[in-house]
C-alpha atoms as a PDB file:
ATOM      1  CA  MET A   1      83.137 -47.767  21.021  1.00  0.00           C
ATOM      2  CA  LEU A   2      80.500 -47.866  23.752  1.00  0.00           C
ATOM      3  CA  TYR A   3      76.822 -47.529  22.915  1.00  0.00           C
ATOM      4  CA  ASP A   4      73.696 -47.384  25.048  1.00  0.00           C
ATOM      5  CA  VAL A   5      70.603 -48.735  23.293  1.00  0.00           C
ATOM      6  CA  ASN A   6      67.030 -48.059  24.399  1.00  0.00           C
ATOM      7  CA  LEU A   7      64.228 -49.829  22.538  1.00  0.00           C
ATOM      8  CA  GLU A   8      60.473 -49.698  23.102  1.00  0.00           C
ATOM      9  CA  ILE A   9      57.914 -51.721  21.138  1.00  0.00           C
ATOM     10  CA  THR A  10      54.270 -51.233  22.121  1.00  0.00           C
ATOM     11  CA  TYR A  11      51.037 -52.862  20.991  1.00  0.00           C
ATOM     12  CA  ASP A  12      47.465 -51.617  21.496  1.00  0.00           C
ATOM     13  CA  TYR A  13      44.620 -54.076  20.889  1.00  0.00           C
ATOM     14  CA  ALA A  14      41.111 -53.042  19.843  1.00  0.00           C
ATOM     15  CA  SER A  15      39.797 -55.946  21.948  1.00  0.00           C
ATOM     16  CA  PRO A  16      41.627 -57.389  24.954  1.00  0.00           C
ATOM     17  CA  ALA A  17      43.937 -60.294  24.193  1.00  0.00           C
ATOM     18  CA  ASN A  18      42.985 -63.206  26.445  1.00  0.00           C
ATOM     19  CA  SER A  19      46.324 -64.974  26.033  1.00  0.00           C
ATOM     20  CA  GLY A  20      49.541 -64.856  24.028  1.00  0.00           C
ATOM     21  CA  ARG A  21      52.920 -66.452  23.457  1.00  0.00           C
ATOM     22  CA  HIS A  22      55.881 -64.517  22.080  1.00  0.00           C
ATOM     23  CA  SER A  23      59.540 -65.127  21.285  1.00  0.00           C
ATOM     24  CA  LEU A  24      61.692 -61.997  21.606  1.00  0.00           C
ATOM     25  CA  ARG A  25      65.015 -61.425  19.876  1.00  0.00           C
ATOM     26  CA  LEU A  26      65.891 -57.997  21.203  1.00  0.00           C
ATOM     27  CA  VAL A  27      69.151 -58.315  23.143  1.00  0.00           C
ATOM     28  CA  PRO A  28      72.361 -57.436  21.207  1.00  0.00           C
ATOM     29  CA  ALA A  29      74.759 -60.327  20.681  1.00  0.00           C
ATOM     30  CA  SER A  30      78.230 -60.857  22.107  1.00  0.00           C
ATOM     31  CA  ILE A  31      80.474 -61.749  19.147  1.00  0.00           C
ATOM     32  CA  HIS A  32      84.157 -62.474  19.648  1.00  0.00           C
ATOM     33  CA  GLY A  33      86.291 -59.766  18.052  1.00  0.00           C
ATOM     34  CA  GLU A  34      83.269 -57.694  16.993  1.00  0.00           C
ATOM     35  CA  GLN A  35      81.106 -56.634  19.908  1.00  0.00           C
ATOM     36  CA  LYS A  36      80.574 -57.366  23.580  1.00  0.00           C
ATOM     37  CA  LEU A  37      77.308 -57.064  25.468  1.00  0.00           C
ATOM     38  CA  LEU A  38      78.167 -55.377  28.769  1.00  0.00           C
ATOM     39  CA  SER A  39      74.672 -55.247  30.273  1.00  0.00           C
ATOM     40  CA  SER A  40      71.053 -55.646  29.240  1.00  0.00           C
ATOM     41  CA  SER A  41      67.538 -55.666  30.623  1.00  0.00           C
ATOM     42  CA  VAL A  42      64.262 -56.619  28.933  1.00  0.00           C
ATOM     43  CA  ARG A  43      61.150 -55.383  30.749  1.00  0.00           C
ATOM     44  CA  LEU A  44      57.559 -56.257  29.851  1.00  0.00           C
ATOM     45  CA  SER A  45      54.318 -54.528  30.753  1.00  0.00           C
ATOM     46  CA  PRO A  46      52.153 -56.207  31.861  1.00  0.00           C
ATOM     47  CA  GLY A  47      54.411 -58.853  33.357  1.00  0.00           C
ATOM     48  CA  PRO A  48      54.168 -62.286  31.726  1.00  0.00           C
ATOM     49  CA  THR A  49      52.791 -65.405  33.401  1.00  0.00           C
ATOM     50  CA  GLU A  50      55.840 -67.373  32.280  1.00  0.00           C
ATOM     51  CA  ARG A  51      59.265 -66.325  31.039  1.00  0.00           C
ATOM     52  CA  ARG A  52      62.442 -68.182  30.074  1.00  0.00           C
ATOM     53  CA  ASN A  53      65.672 -67.381  28.258  1.00  0.00           C
ATOM     54  CA  ARG A  54      67.292 -69.665  25.693  1.00  0.00           C
ATOM     55  CA  THR A  55      69.633 -69.658  22.697  1.00  0.00           C
ATOM     56  CA  ASP A  56      68.312 -70.670  19.278  1.00  0.00           C
ATOM     57  CA  PHE A  57      70.049 -72.773  16.614  1.00  0.00           C
ATOM     58  CA  PHE A  58      71.867 -69.767  15.136  1.00  0.00           C
ATOM     59  CA  GLY A  59      73.173 -68.632  18.520  1.00  0.00           C
ATOM     60  CA  ASN A  60      70.708 -65.778  19.025  1.00  0.00           C
ATOM     61  CA  ALA A  61      69.488 -64.856  22.506  1.00  0.00           C
ATOM     62  CA  VAL A  62      65.736 -65.517  22.795  1.00  0.00           C
ATOM     63  CA  THR A  63      63.283 -64.643  25.558  1.00  0.00           C
ATOM     64  CA  ASP A  64      60.074 -66.706  25.481  1.00  0.00           C
ATOM     65  CA  VAL A  65      57.077 -65.225  27.313  1.00  0.00           C
ATOM     66  CA  VAL A  66      53.534 -66.456  27.966  1.00  0.00           C
ATOM     67  CA  PHE A  67      50.528 -64.312  28.916  1.00  0.00           C
ATOM     68  CA  ARG A  68      47.426 -65.970  30.377  1.00  0.00           C
ATOM     69  CA  ARG A  69      45.696 -62.845  31.654  1.00  0.00           C
ATOM     70  CA  ALA A  70      43.634 -60.483  29.487  1.00  0.00           C
ATOM     71  CA  HIS A  71      45.463 -57.335  28.400  1.00  0.00           C
ATOM     72  CA  SER A  72      44.683 -54.449  26.026  1.00  0.00           C
ATOM     73  CA  GLU A  73      48.228 -53.124  25.793  1.00  0.00           C
ATOM     74  CA  LEU A  74      51.635 -54.747  25.676  1.00  0.00           C
ATOM     75  CA  ALA A  75      55.069 -53.143  25.850  1.00  0.00           C
ATOM     76  CA  PHE A  76      58.583 -54.555  25.451  1.00  0.00           C
ATOM     77  CA  ARG A  77      61.441 -52.349  26.637  1.00  0.00           C
ATOM     78  CA  LEU A  78      65.146 -53.028  26.200  1.00  0.00           C
ATOM     79  CA  THR A  79      68.077 -51.189  27.719  1.00  0.00           C
ATOM     80  CA  ALA A  80      71.578 -52.373  26.828  1.00  0.00           C
ATOM     81  CA  ARG A  81      75.194 -51.252  26.763  1.00  0.00           C
ATOM     82  CA  ILE A  82      77.458 -52.601  24.029  1.00  0.00           C
ATOM     83  CA  ASP A  83      81.161 -52.305  23.304  1.00  0.00           C
ATOM     84  CA  ARG A  84      81.384 -52.343  19.493  1.00  0.00           C
ATOM     85  CA  THR A  85      84.798 -53.005  17.939  1.00  0.00           C
ATOM     86  CA  SER A  86      85.906 -51.474  14.655  1.00  0.00           C
ATOM     87  CA  VAL A  87      86.655 -54.386  12.316  1.00  0.00           C
ATOM     88  CA  PRO A  88      89.156 -53.424   9.580  1.00  0.00           C
ATOM     89  CA  HIS A  89      88.332 -54.458   6.022  1.00  0.00           C
ATOM     90  CA  GLU A  90      91.223 -56.628   4.906  1.00  0.00           C
ATOM     91  CA  LEU A  91      92.565 -57.148   1.398  1.00  0.00           C
ATOM     92  CA  ASP A  92      90.247 -59.093  -0.888  1.00  0.00           C
ATOM     93  CA  ILE A  93      91.596 -62.651  -0.946  1.00  0.00           C
ATOM     94  CA  SER A  94      88.280 -64.291  -1.785  1.00  0.00           C
ATOM     95  CA  PRO A  95      88.124 -66.732  -4.714  1.00  0.00           C
ATOM     96  CA  PRO A  96      86.458 -65.895  -8.029  1.00  0.00           C
ATOM     97  CA  LEU A  97      82.827 -66.948  -8.296  1.00  0.00           C
ATOM     98  CA  SER A  98      83.823 -69.731 -10.661  1.00  0.00           C
ATOM     99  CA  LEU A  99      85.841 -71.389  -7.848  1.00  0.00           C
ATOM    100  CA  LEU A 100      83.641 -70.585  -4.854  1.00  0.00           C
ATOM    101  CA  ARG A 101      81.457 -73.657  -5.416  1.00  0.00           C
ATOM    102  CA  ARG A 102      84.548 -75.882  -5.148  1.00  0.00           C
ATOM    103  CA  GLU A 103      85.385 -74.410  -1.736  1.00  0.00           C
ATOM    104  CA  LEU A 104      81.796 -74.905  -0.604  1.00  0.00           C
ATOM    105  CA  ALA A 105      81.923 -78.557  -1.625  1.00  0.00           C
ATOM    106  CA  GLY A 106      84.854 -79.134   0.720  1.00  0.00           C
ATOM    107  CA  ILE A 107      82.923 -78.070   3.828  1.00  0.00           C
ATOM    108  CA  GLN A 108      81.432 -81.073   5.651  1.00  0.00           C
ATOM    109  CA  SER A 109      80.288 -79.448   8.904  1.00  0.00           C
ATOM    110  CA  MET A 110      76.607 -78.703   9.537  1.00  0.00           C
ATOM    111  CA  GLY A 111      77.214 -76.246  12.370  1.00  0.00           C
ATOM    112  CA  PRO A 112      74.926 -73.206  12.688  1.00  0.00           C
ATOM    113  CA  ASP A 113      77.487 -70.831  11.170  1.00  0.00           C
ATOM    114  CA  GLU A 114      78.309 -72.988   8.143  1.00  0.00           C
ATOM    115  CA  PRO A 115      77.419 -71.648   4.673  1.00  0.00           C
ATOM    116  CA  VAL A 116      75.326 -74.711   3.742  1.00  0.00           C
ATOM    117  CA  HIS A 117      72.353 -73.258   5.653  1.00  0.00           C
ATOM    118  CA  PHE A 118      72.447 -70.021   3.653  1.00  0.00           C
ATOM    119  CA  LEU A 119      72.749 -71.172   0.059  1.00  0.00           C
ATOM    120  CA  THR A 120      69.196 -72.082  -0.971  1.00  0.00           C
ATOM    121  CA  ALA A 121      65.670 -70.757  -0.488  1.00  0.00           C
ATOM    122  CA  SER A 122      64.521 -70.246   3.109  1.00  0.00           C
ATOM    123  CA  PRO A 123      61.026 -70.054   4.654  1.00  0.00           C
ATOM    124  CA  ARG A 124      60.547 -66.305   4.158  1.00  0.00           C
ATOM    125  CA  LEU A 125      62.685 -66.023   1.039  1.00  0.00           C
ATOM    126  CA  PRO A 126      61.894 -68.195  -1.997  1.00  0.00           C
ATOM    127  CA  LEU A 127      64.184 -67.680  -4.974  1.00  0.00           C
ATOM    128  CA  ALA A 128      62.957 -66.435  -8.358  1.00  0.00           C
ATOM    129  CA  PRO A 129      64.572 -66.198 -11.825  1.00  0.00           C
ATOM    130  CA  ALA A 130      64.477 -62.390 -11.683  1.00  0.00           C
ATOM    131  CA  PHE A 131      66.992 -62.378  -8.852  1.00  0.00           C
ATOM    132  CA  ALA A 132      69.468 -64.530 -10.804  1.00  0.00           C
ATOM    133  CA  VAL A 133      69.100 -62.356 -13.897  1.00  0.00           C
ATOM    134  CA  TYR A 134      69.786 -59.190 -11.917  1.00  0.00           C
ATOM    135  CA  ALA A 135      72.781 -60.708 -10.128  1.00  0.00           C
ATOM    136  CA  GLN A 136      74.300 -61.976 -13.372  1.00  0.00           C
ATOM    137  CA  GLU A 137      73.904 -58.534 -14.953  1.00  0.00           C
ATOM    138  CA  HIS A 138      76.172 -57.052 -12.285  1.00  0.00           C
ATOM    139  CA  THR A 139      78.783 -59.788 -11.873  1.00  0.00           C
ATOM    140  CA  THR A 140      81.075 -62.044 -13.926  1.00  0.00           C
ATOM    141  CA  PRO A 141      82.412 -65.569 -13.160  1.00  0.00           C
ATOM    142  CA  GLN A 142      85.913 -64.067 -12.833  1.00  0.00           C
ATOM    143  CA  MET A 143      84.844 -61.506 -10.234  1.00  0.00           C
ATOM    144  CA  SER A 144      85.914 -62.248  -6.668  1.00  0.00           C
ATOM    145  CA  ALA A 145      83.227 -63.182  -4.161  1.00  0.00           C
ATOM    146  CA  VAL A 146      83.792 -60.016  -2.117  1.00  0.00           C
ATOM    147  CA  ALA A 147      83.664 -57.837  -5.246  1.00  0.00           C
ATOM    148  CA  ALA A 148      80.432 -59.543  -6.312  1.00  0.00           C
ATOM    149  CA  VAL A 149      78.824 -58.859  -2.932  1.00  0.00           C
ATOM    150  CA  GLU A 150      79.771 -55.202  -3.116  1.00  0.00           C
ATOM    151  CA  ALA A 151      78.690 -54.901  -6.758  1.00  0.00           C
ATOM    152  CA  ILE A 152      75.215 -56.311  -6.130  1.00  0.00           C
ATOM    153  CA  GLY A 153      74.747 -54.297  -2.948  1.00  0.00           C
ATOM    154  CA  SER A 154      75.810 -51.086  -4.666  1.00  0.00           C
ATOM    155  CA  ALA A 155      73.543 -51.771  -7.652  1.00  0.00           C
ATOM    156  CA  LEU A 156      70.511 -52.350  -5.437  1.00  0.00           C
ATOM    157  CA  HIS A 157      71.217 -49.139  -3.547  1.00  0.00           C
ATOM    158  CA  GLN A 158      71.283 -47.321  -6.898  1.00  0.00           C
ATOM    159  CA  ASP A 159      68.192 -48.983  -8.376  1.00  0.00           C
ATOM    160  CA  MET A 160      65.955 -49.215  -5.283  1.00  0.00           C
ATOM    161  CA  ASP A 161      64.172 -46.324  -3.577  1.00  0.00           C
ATOM    162  CA  PHE A 162      63.863 -46.333   0.207  1.00  0.00           C
ATOM    163  CA  ASP A 163      60.147 -45.924   0.885  1.00  0.00           C
ATOM    164  CA  ALA A 164      58.740 -46.599   4.352  1.00  0.00           C
ATOM    165  CA  ASP A 165      55.176 -46.730   2.996  1.00  0.00           C
ATOM    166  CA  ALA A 166      55.795 -49.094   0.073  1.00  0.00           C
ATOM    167  CA  THR A 167      55.839 -52.419   1.927  1.00  0.00           C
ATOM    168  CA  THR A 168      54.866 -54.187   5.140  1.00  0.00           C
ATOM    169  CA  VAL A 169      56.735 -56.800   7.139  1.00  0.00           C
ATOM    170  CA  ASP A 170      54.891 -59.501   5.145  1.00  0.00           C
ATOM    171  CA  THR A 171      55.557 -58.144   1.636  1.00  0.00           C
ATOM    172  CA  PRO A 172      57.323 -60.810  -0.490  1.00  0.00           C
ATOM    173  CA  ALA A 173      60.816 -59.823  -1.584  1.00  0.00           C
ATOM    174  CA  ILE A 174      59.956 -60.335  -5.254  1.00  0.00           C
ATOM    175  CA  ASP A 175      57.119 -57.791  -4.986  1.00  0.00           C
ATOM    176  CA  ALA A 176      59.400 -55.147  -3.480  1.00  0.00           C
ATOM    177  CA  PHE A 177      62.010 -55.937  -6.127  1.00  0.00           C
ATOM    178  CA  GLU A 178      59.551 -55.522  -8.990  1.00  0.00           C
ATOM    179  CA  ARG A 179      58.408 -52.165  -7.582  1.00  0.00           C
ATOM    180  CA  ARG A 180      61.995 -51.120  -6.764  1.00  0.00           C
ATOM    181  CA  HIS A 181      60.690 -49.638  -3.518  1.00  0.00           C
ATOM    182  CA  GLY A 182      61.045 -50.816   0.074  1.00  0.00           C
ATOM    183  CA  VAL A 183      62.770 -50.569   3.442  1.00  0.00           C
ATOM    184  CA  CYS A 184      65.902 -52.148   4.879  1.00  0.00           C
ATOM    185  CA  GLN A 185      64.190 -55.541   5.264  1.00  0.00           C
ATOM    186  CA  ASP A 186      63.357 -55.519   1.552  1.00  0.00           C
ATOM    187  CA  PHE A 187      66.817 -54.336   0.482  1.00  0.00           C
ATOM    188  CA  SER A 188      68.386 -57.110   2.532  1.00  0.00           C
ATOM    189  CA  HIS A 189      66.030 -59.880   1.416  1.00  0.00           C
ATOM    190  CA  ILE A 190      66.490 -58.950  -2.234  1.00  0.00           C
ATOM    191  CA  MET A 191      70.274 -58.857  -1.928  1.00  0.00           C
ATOM    192  CA  ILE A 192      70.303 -62.227  -0.159  1.00  0.00           C
ATOM    193  CA  ALA A 193      68.191 -63.774  -2.923  1.00  0.00           C
ATOM    194  CA  CYS A 194      70.469 -62.326  -5.610  1.00  0.00           C
ATOM    195  CA  LEU A 195      73.611 -63.646  -3.912  1.00  0.00           C
ATOM    196  CA  ARG A 196      72.186 -67.120  -3.365  1.00  0.00           C
ATOM    197  CA  SER A 197      71.102 -67.200  -7.002  1.00  0.00           C
ATOM    198  CA  ILE A 198      74.747 -67.032  -8.122  1.00  0.00           C
ATOM    199  CA  GLY A 199      76.108 -69.404  -5.499  1.00  0.00           C
ATOM    200  CA  ILE A 200      77.112 -67.041  -2.686  1.00  0.00           C
ATOM    201  CA  PRO A 201      75.750 -68.127   0.714  1.00  0.00           C
ATOM    202  CA  ALA A 202      74.009 -65.167   2.336  1.00  0.00           C
ATOM    203  CA  GLY A 203      72.028 -64.510   5.501  1.00  0.00           C
ATOM    204  CA  TYR A 204      70.027 -61.834   7.256  1.00  0.00           C
ATOM    205  CA  VAL A 205      71.221 -59.678  10.161  1.00  0.00           C
ATOM    206  CA  SER A 206      68.956 -57.617  12.402  1.00  0.00           C
ATOM    207  CA  GLY A 207      70.294 -54.951  14.670  1.00  0.00           C
ATOM    208  CA  PHE A 208      70.690 -51.262  15.330  1.00  0.00           C
ATOM    209  CA  LEU A 209      72.369 -48.507  13.356  1.00  0.00           C
ATOM    210  CA  ARG A 210      73.472 -45.269  14.920  1.00  0.00           C
ATOM    211  CA  THR A 211      71.983 -42.389  13.002  1.00  0.00           C
ATOM    212  CA  ILE A 212      74.366 -39.442  12.708  1.00  0.00           C
ATOM    213  CA  PRO A 213      72.495 -36.105  12.464  1.00  0.00           C
ATOM    214  CA  PRO A 214      73.445 -33.410   9.943  1.00  0.00           C
ATOM    215  CA  GLU A 215      76.294 -31.174  11.048  1.00  0.00           C
ATOM    216  CA  GLY A 216      75.144 -28.548  13.517  1.00  0.00           C
ATOM    217  CA  GLN A 217      71.914 -30.354  14.441  1.00  0.00           C
ATOM    218  CA  GLN A 218      71.128 -32.282  17.615  1.00  0.00           C
ATOM    219  CA  ARG A 219      70.254 -35.963  17.671  1.00  0.00           C
ATOM    220  CA  LEU A 220      66.540 -36.703  17.874  1.00  0.00           C
ATOM    221  CA  GLU A 221      65.637 -38.934  20.815  1.00  0.00           C
ATOM    222  CA  GLY A 222      63.984 -42.113  19.560  1.00  0.00           C
ATOM    223  CA  ALA A 223      64.725 -41.280  15.935  1.00  0.00           C
ATOM    224  CA  ASP A 224      66.755 -44.406  15.271  1.00  0.00           C
ATOM    225  CA  ALA A 225      65.076 -47.680  14.326  1.00  0.00           C
ATOM    226  CA  MET A 226      65.917 -51.340  14.137  1.00  0.00           C
ATOM    227  CA  HIS A 227      67.899 -52.010  10.990  1.00  0.00           C
ATOM    228  CA  ALA A 228      68.763 -54.963   8.752  1.00  0.00           C
ATOM    229  CA  TRP A 229      71.676 -55.866   6.523  1.00  0.00           C
ATOM    230  CA  VAL A 230      73.319 -58.835   4.790  1.00  0.00           C
ATOM    231  CA  ARG A 231      75.931 -61.405   5.760  1.00  0.00           C
ATOM    232  CA  ALA A 232      77.721 -63.204   2.899  1.00  0.00           C
ATOM    233  CA  TRP A 233      80.215 -66.086   2.894  1.00  0.00           C
ATOM    234  CA  CYS A 234      83.110 -65.276   0.576  1.00  0.00           C
ATOM    235  CA  GLY A 235      85.311 -68.354   0.750  1.00  0.00           C
ATOM    236  CA  ILE A 236      87.402 -70.242   3.284  1.00  0.00           C
ATOM    237  CA  GLU A 237      90.032 -67.496   3.655  1.00  0.00           C
ATOM    238  CA  SER A 238      87.700 -64.489   3.715  1.00  0.00           C
ATOM    239  CA  GLY A 239      84.865 -66.115   5.627  1.00  0.00           C
ATOM    240  CA  TRP A 240      81.785 -64.005   6.360  1.00  0.00           C
ATOM    241  CA  ILE A 241      81.535 -60.311   5.512  1.00  0.00           C
ATOM    242  CA  GLU A 242      78.604 -57.988   6.183  1.00  0.00           C
ATOM    243  CA  TYR A 243      77.177 -55.406   3.787  1.00  0.00           C
ATOM    244  CA  ASP A 244      74.425 -52.807   4.226  1.00  0.00           C
ATOM    245  CA  PRO A 245      72.637 -52.394   0.854  1.00  0.00           C
ATOM    246  CA  THR A 246      70.286 -49.717   2.191  1.00  0.00           C
ATOM    247  CA  ASN A 247      73.301 -47.438   2.660  1.00  0.00           C
ATOM    248  CA  ALA A 248      75.717 -49.042   0.147  1.00  0.00           C
ATOM    249  CA  LEU A 249      78.554 -49.702   2.587  1.00  0.00           C
ATOM    250  CA  ARG A 250      80.425 -52.435   4.404  1.00  0.00           C
ATOM    251  CA  VAL A 251      79.156 -52.845   7.935  1.00  0.00           C
ATOM    252  CA  GLY A 252      81.202 -50.963  10.500  1.00  0.00           C
ATOM    253  CA  GLN A 253      81.337 -49.712  14.042  1.00  0.00           C
ATOM    254  CA  ASP A 254      77.935 -48.022  13.903  1.00  0.00           C
ATOM    255  CA  HIS A 255      76.140 -51.331  13.207  1.00  0.00           C
ATOM    256  CA  ILE A 256      75.135 -53.288  16.332  1.00  0.00           C
ATOM    257  CA  VAL A 257      74.202 -56.928  15.756  1.00  0.00           C
ATOM    258  CA  VAL A 258      71.169 -58.397  17.531  1.00  0.00           C
ATOM    259  CA  ALA A 259      70.418 -61.607  15.612  1.00  0.00           C
ATOM    260  CA  ARG A 260      71.572 -63.546  12.550  1.00  0.00           C
ATOM    261  CA  GLY A 261      69.674 -66.081  10.475  1.00  0.00           C
ATOM    262  CA  ARG A 262      68.541 -67.161   7.030  1.00  0.00           C
ATOM    263  CA  ASP A 263      65.906 -64.441   6.646  1.00  0.00           C
ATOM    264  CA  TYR A 264      63.715 -62.127   8.722  1.00  0.00           C
ATOM    265  CA  GLY A 265      61.784 -65.067  10.133  1.00  0.00           C
ATOM    266  CA  ASP A 266      64.858 -66.268  12.032  1.00  0.00           C
ATOM    267  CA  THR A 267      65.579 -62.836  13.521  1.00  0.00           C
ATOM    268  CA  ALA A 268      62.186 -61.145  14.037  1.00  0.00           C
ATOM    269  CA  PRO A 269      62.279 -58.961  17.186  1.00  0.00           C
ATOM    270  CA  VAL A 270      58.821 -60.160  18.253  1.00  0.00           C
ATOM    271  CA  LYS A 271      57.178 -63.316  16.956  1.00  0.00           C
ATOM    272  CA  GLY A 272      54.239 -65.210  18.394  1.00  0.00           C
ATOM    273  CA  VAL A 273      50.480 -65.730  18.608  1.00  0.00           C
ATOM    274  CA  LEU A 274      47.560 -64.021  20.362  1.00  0.00           C
ATOM    275  CA  ARG A 275      43.990 -64.933  21.192  1.00  0.00           C
ATOM    276  CA  THR A 276      42.079 -61.758  20.407  1.00  0.00           C
ATOM    277  CA  ALA A 277      39.659 -60.141  17.946  1.00  0.00           C
ATOM    278  CA  GLY A 278      39.767 -56.911  15.994  1.00  0.00           C
ATOM    279  CA  THR A 279      42.715 -54.792  14.953  1.00  0.00           C
ATOM    280  CA  GLN A 280      45.928 -53.759  16.651  1.00  0.00           C
ATOM    281  CA  THR A 281      48.373 -50.884  16.341  1.00  0.00           C
ATOM    282  CA  THR A 282      52.072 -50.896  17.122  1.00  0.00           C
ATOM    283  CA  ASP A 283      54.733 -48.312  17.773  1.00  0.00           C
ATOM    284  CA  HIS A 284      58.494 -48.770  17.654  1.00  0.00           C
ATOM    285  CA  LYS A 285      61.139 -46.431  19.114  1.00  0.00           C
ATOM    286  CA  VAL A 286      64.890 -46.872  19.286  1.00  0.00           C
ATOM    287  CA  ASP A 287      67.633 -44.636  20.591  1.00  0.00           C
ATOM    288  CA  VAL A 288      71.315 -45.471  20.056  1.00  0.00           C
ATOM    289  CA  ILE A 289      73.601 -43.240  22.128  1.00  0.00           C
ATOM    290  CA  PRO A 290      77.393 -43.274  21.783  1.00  0.00           C
ATOM    291  CA  ARG A 291      79.288 -42.961  25.083  1.00  0.00           C
END
């Protein structure tokens, strides 16, 4: 299915920023058998002093920009067209949790997509006993890896409340878990921590999700937002599967992948430093249009 994506992220600074460096992960990925990026454009206002494109360790497209002139506003705008393939969910042939560790031990590669990078704590996601307790309450050693992923994701969807005002981008996952409130970043971080706590390698996916309006109502322009979900390794035969705990479902054709990594820090849409003083405000608009 074809999608057009329009994204705008704007920043307003109380005092002009004299300089800045940013790394942008905004462009949807091309993934064999899943989705193909047909075209894309990233525009910046004001224009940067320096700009270069690269690919990071996890295979994500990154645009690095440098600003050396003072500016009070900054805007990043993406337009892209993506061909998203519907990936069928095959029969569950994943091993039971009790045998998953044995399969992990047989993997010697250290490539960017190997599960070894996604099994322990990561920079933005330290593990805590509470995650292991919760995961063990909803799984058994005899449960298959795929079933365990779905069980934990479904439980979090049931026990957590989506609350856009409960957390910020810097809220630790354990705090959101204790409150049982948060947004898709929190749902995903918590699920990743739970899975890792019982030996299932898990990573973070950022992207877009098409929002389907209620029957009889028109889509709202700019109503969609960047989304996040979970990627879990379920054994040599099953490989990686993706699950959206915010909506309690396996990822499908309406999910568009932008970046994959260990946690939000590896996939943040905008990350960098500024030389400025005072406060700043930001606004974020996304529109995902099926064609």
